[in-house]
Amino acid sequence: MMYTDPIADLLTRIRNALTARHTQVVVPSSKLKVAIAKVLRDEGYVQGYDVTKDRPQPML
């Protein structure tokens, strides 16, 4: 059986994007991930975030 950790996935995607020098990261959105993104923005770790709802699954 496989378990996924959405918070670890979010942080890993951000870390991998920084390593690859990408300026954007797209991840499936949730209320918890948005709250984490807000804290990361407020603390200066990310410049900003945006939630797009143009797909069946909102993206952060």
N, C-alpha and C. Protein backbone atom coordinates (compact mmCIF):
# COMPACT_ATOMS: atom_id res chain seq x y z
N MET A 1 0.85 -1.16 0.00
CA MET A 1 0.00 0.00 0.00
C MET A 1 0.90 1.24 0.00
N MET A 2 0.47 2.26 -0.73
CA MET A 2 1.28 3.47 -0.86
C MET A 2 0.58 4.65 -0.19
N TYR A 3 1.30 5.35 0.66
CA TYR A 3 0.77 6.54 1.31
C TYR A 3 1.50 7.76 0.75
N THR A 4 0.77 8.84 0.61
CA THR A 4 1.40 10.07 0.16
C THR A 4 1.25 11.14 1.22
N ASP A 5 2.23 11.97 1.31
CA ASP A 5 2.23 13.08 2.26
C ASP A 5 2.17 14.37 1.44
N PRO A 6 1.01 15.02 1.38
CA PRO A 6 0.88 16.20 0.52
C PRO A 6 1.76 17.37 0.96
N ILE A 7 2.03 17.50 2.24
CA ILE A 7 2.86 18.60 2.72
C ILE A 7 4.32 18.35 2.33
N ALA A 8 4.79 17.14 2.51
CA ALA A 8 6.15 16.81 2.09
C ALA A 8 6.30 16.97 0.59
N ASP A 9 5.26 16.60 -0.16
CA ASP A 9 5.28 16.77 -1.61
C ASP A 9 5.39 18.24 -1.99
N LEU A 10 4.63 19.11 -1.33
CA LEU A 10 4.69 20.56 -1.58
C LEU A 10 6.10 21.08 -1.33
N LEU A 11 6.65 20.76 -0.18
CA LEU A 11 7.98 21.26 0.18
C LEU A 11 9.06 20.69 -0.74
N THR A 12 8.93 19.43 -1.14
CA THR A 12 9.89 18.82 -2.05
C THR A 12 9.84 19.48 -3.42
N ARG A 13 8.63 19.77 -3.90
CA ARG A 13 8.50 20.44 -5.20
C ARG A 13 9.13 21.83 -5.15
N ILE A 14 8.95 22.55 -4.05
CA ILE A 14 9.55 23.87 -3.92
C ILE A 14 11.07 23.75 -3.89
N ARG A 15 11.59 22.82 -3.10
CA ARG A 15 13.04 22.62 -3.00
C ARG A 15 13.63 22.22 -4.36
N ASN A 16 12.97 21.30 -5.07
CA ASN A 16 13.47 20.87 -6.37
C ASN A 16 13.44 22.01 -7.38
N ALA A 17 12.41 22.85 -7.33
CA ALA A 17 12.32 23.99 -8.24
C ALA A 17 13.45 24.98 -7.97
N LEU A 18 13.77 25.20 -6.70
CA LEU A 18 14.88 26.10 -6.36
C LEU A 18 16.20 25.54 -6.87
N THR A 19 16.39 24.25 -6.71
CA THR A 19 17.62 23.61 -7.18
C THR A 19 17.76 23.74 -8.70
N ALA A 20 16.64 23.60 -9.41
CA ALA A 20 16.64 23.69 -10.88
C ALA A 20 16.50 25.12 -11.37
N ARG A 21 16.45 26.08 -10.45
CA ARG A 21 16.32 27.50 -10.75
C ARG A 21 15.05 27.85 -11.53
N HIS A 22 13.97 27.17 -11.19
CA HIS A 22 12.67 27.51 -11.74
C HIS A 22 12.08 28.66 -10.93
N THR A 23 11.25 29.47 -11.59
CA THR A 23 10.64 30.61 -10.89
C THR A 23 9.23 30.30 -10.42
N GLN A 24 8.65 29.20 -10.89
CA GLN A 24 7.28 28.83 -10.50
C GLN A 24 7.20 27.35 -10.19
N VAL A 25 6.26 27.03 -9.31
CA VAL A 25 5.95 25.64 -8.97
C VAL A 25 4.44 25.49 -9.03
N VAL A 26 3.96 24.42 -9.66
CA VAL A 26 2.53 24.17 -9.73
C VAL A 26 2.24 22.88 -8.96
N VAL A 27 1.35 22.98 -7.98
CA VAL A 27 0.97 21.82 -7.17
C VAL A 27 -0.54 21.81 -6.99
N PRO A 28 -1.14 20.64 -6.81
CA PRO A 28 -2.57 20.60 -6.50
C PRO A 28 -2.83 21.37 -5.20
N SER A 29 -3.91 22.13 -5.18
CA SER A 29 -4.20 23.02 -4.05
C SER A 29 -5.09 22.35 -3.01
N SER A 30 -4.91 22.78 -1.78
CA SER A 30 -5.80 22.42 -0.68
C SER A 30 -5.76 23.58 0.31
N LYS A 31 -6.69 23.59 1.23
CA LYS A 31 -6.72 24.67 2.23
C LYS A 31 -5.44 24.70 3.05
N LEU A 32 -4.94 23.53 3.41
CA LEU A 32 -3.72 23.45 4.21
C LEU A 32 -2.51 23.95 3.43
N LYS A 33 -2.40 23.57 2.16
CA LYS A 33 -1.28 24.02 1.34
C LYS A 33 -1.32 25.53 1.13
N VAL A 34 -2.51 26.08 0.96
CA VAL A 34 -2.64 27.54 0.82
C VAL A 34 -2.18 28.22 2.11
N ALA A 35 -2.56 27.66 3.25
CA ALA A 35 -2.14 28.24 4.54
C ALA A 35 -0.63 28.17 4.69
N ILE A 36 -0.02 27.07 4.27
CA ILE A 36 1.44 26.95 4.34
C ILE A 36 2.10 27.94 3.39
N ALA A 37 1.55 28.09 2.19
CA ALA A 37 2.09 29.06 1.23
C ALA A 37 2.01 30.47 1.78
N LYS A 38 0.94 30.78 2.49
CA LYS A 38 0.78 32.11 3.09
C LYS A 38 1.87 32.36 4.14
N VAL A 39 2.13 31.37 4.97
CA VAL A 39 3.19 31.50 5.98
C VAL A 39 4.55 31.65 5.31
N LEU A 40 4.82 30.85 4.28
CA LEU A 40 6.09 30.95 3.57
C LEU A 40 6.26 32.33 2.94
N ARG A 41 5.18 32.88 2.40
CA ARG A 41 5.23 34.23 1.83
C ARG A 41 5.46 35.28 2.92
N ASP A 42 4.71 35.17 4.01
CA ASP A 42 4.84 36.15 5.10
C ASP A 42 6.23 36.14 5.72
N GLU A 43 6.87 34.98 5.76
CA GLU A 43 8.21 34.86 6.34
C GLU A 43 9.31 35.15 5.33
N GLY A 44 8.95 35.38 4.07
CA GLY A 44 9.92 35.75 3.05
C GLY A 44 10.59 34.60 2.32
N TYR A 45 10.08 33.38 2.48
CA TYR A 45 10.68 32.24 1.80
C TYR A 45 10.24 32.13 0.35
N VAL A 46 9.05 32.61 0.01
CA VAL A 46 8.57 32.66 -1.37
C VAL A 46 8.04 34.06 -1.64
N GLN A 47 8.07 34.46 -2.91
CA GLN A 47 7.62 35.80 -3.27
C GLN A 47 6.11 35.92 -3.24
N GLY A 48 5.41 34.86 -3.58
CA GLY A 48 3.96 34.92 -3.60
C GLY A 48 3.38 33.60 -4.07
N TYR A 49 2.07 33.56 -4.09
CA TYR A 49 1.38 32.37 -4.57
C TYR A 49 0.04 32.80 -5.15
N ASP A 50 -0.53 31.92 -5.96
CA ASP A 50 -1.81 32.18 -6.60
C ASP A 50 -2.54 30.85 -6.75
N VAL A 51 -3.83 30.87 -6.51
CA VAL A 51 -4.65 29.67 -6.68
C VAL A 51 -5.46 29.83 -7.95
N THR A 52 -5.30 28.89 -8.89
CA THR A 52 -6.07 28.91 -10.12
C THR A 52 -7.13 27.83 -10.06
N LYS A 53 -8.33 28.19 -10.45
CA LYS A 53 -9.45 27.24 -10.38
C LYS A 53 -9.99 26.92 -11.76
N ASP A 54 -9.15 26.99 -12.79
CA ASP A 54 -9.60 26.73 -14.15
C ASP A 54 -9.57 25.25 -14.51
N ARG A 55 -9.16 24.40 -13.61
CA ARG A 55 -9.13 22.95 -13.82
C ARG A 55 -10.08 22.30 -12.82
N PRO A 56 -10.38 21.03 -13.02
CA PRO A 56 -11.22 20.35 -12.02
C PRO A 56 -10.59 20.37 -10.62
N GLN A 57 -9.27 20.23 -10.56
CA GLN A 57 -8.54 20.31 -9.29
C GLN A 57 -7.86 21.67 -9.23
N PRO A 58 -8.22 22.52 -8.26
CA PRO A 58 -7.53 23.82 -8.15
C PRO A 58 -6.03 23.62 -7.96
N MET A 59 -5.24 24.52 -8.55
CA MET A 59 -3.79 24.44 -8.48
C MET A 59 -3.25 25.64 -7.72
N LEU A 60 -2.17 25.42 -7.00
CA LEU A 60 -1.52 26.47 -6.21
C LEU A 60 -0.23 26.84 -6.91
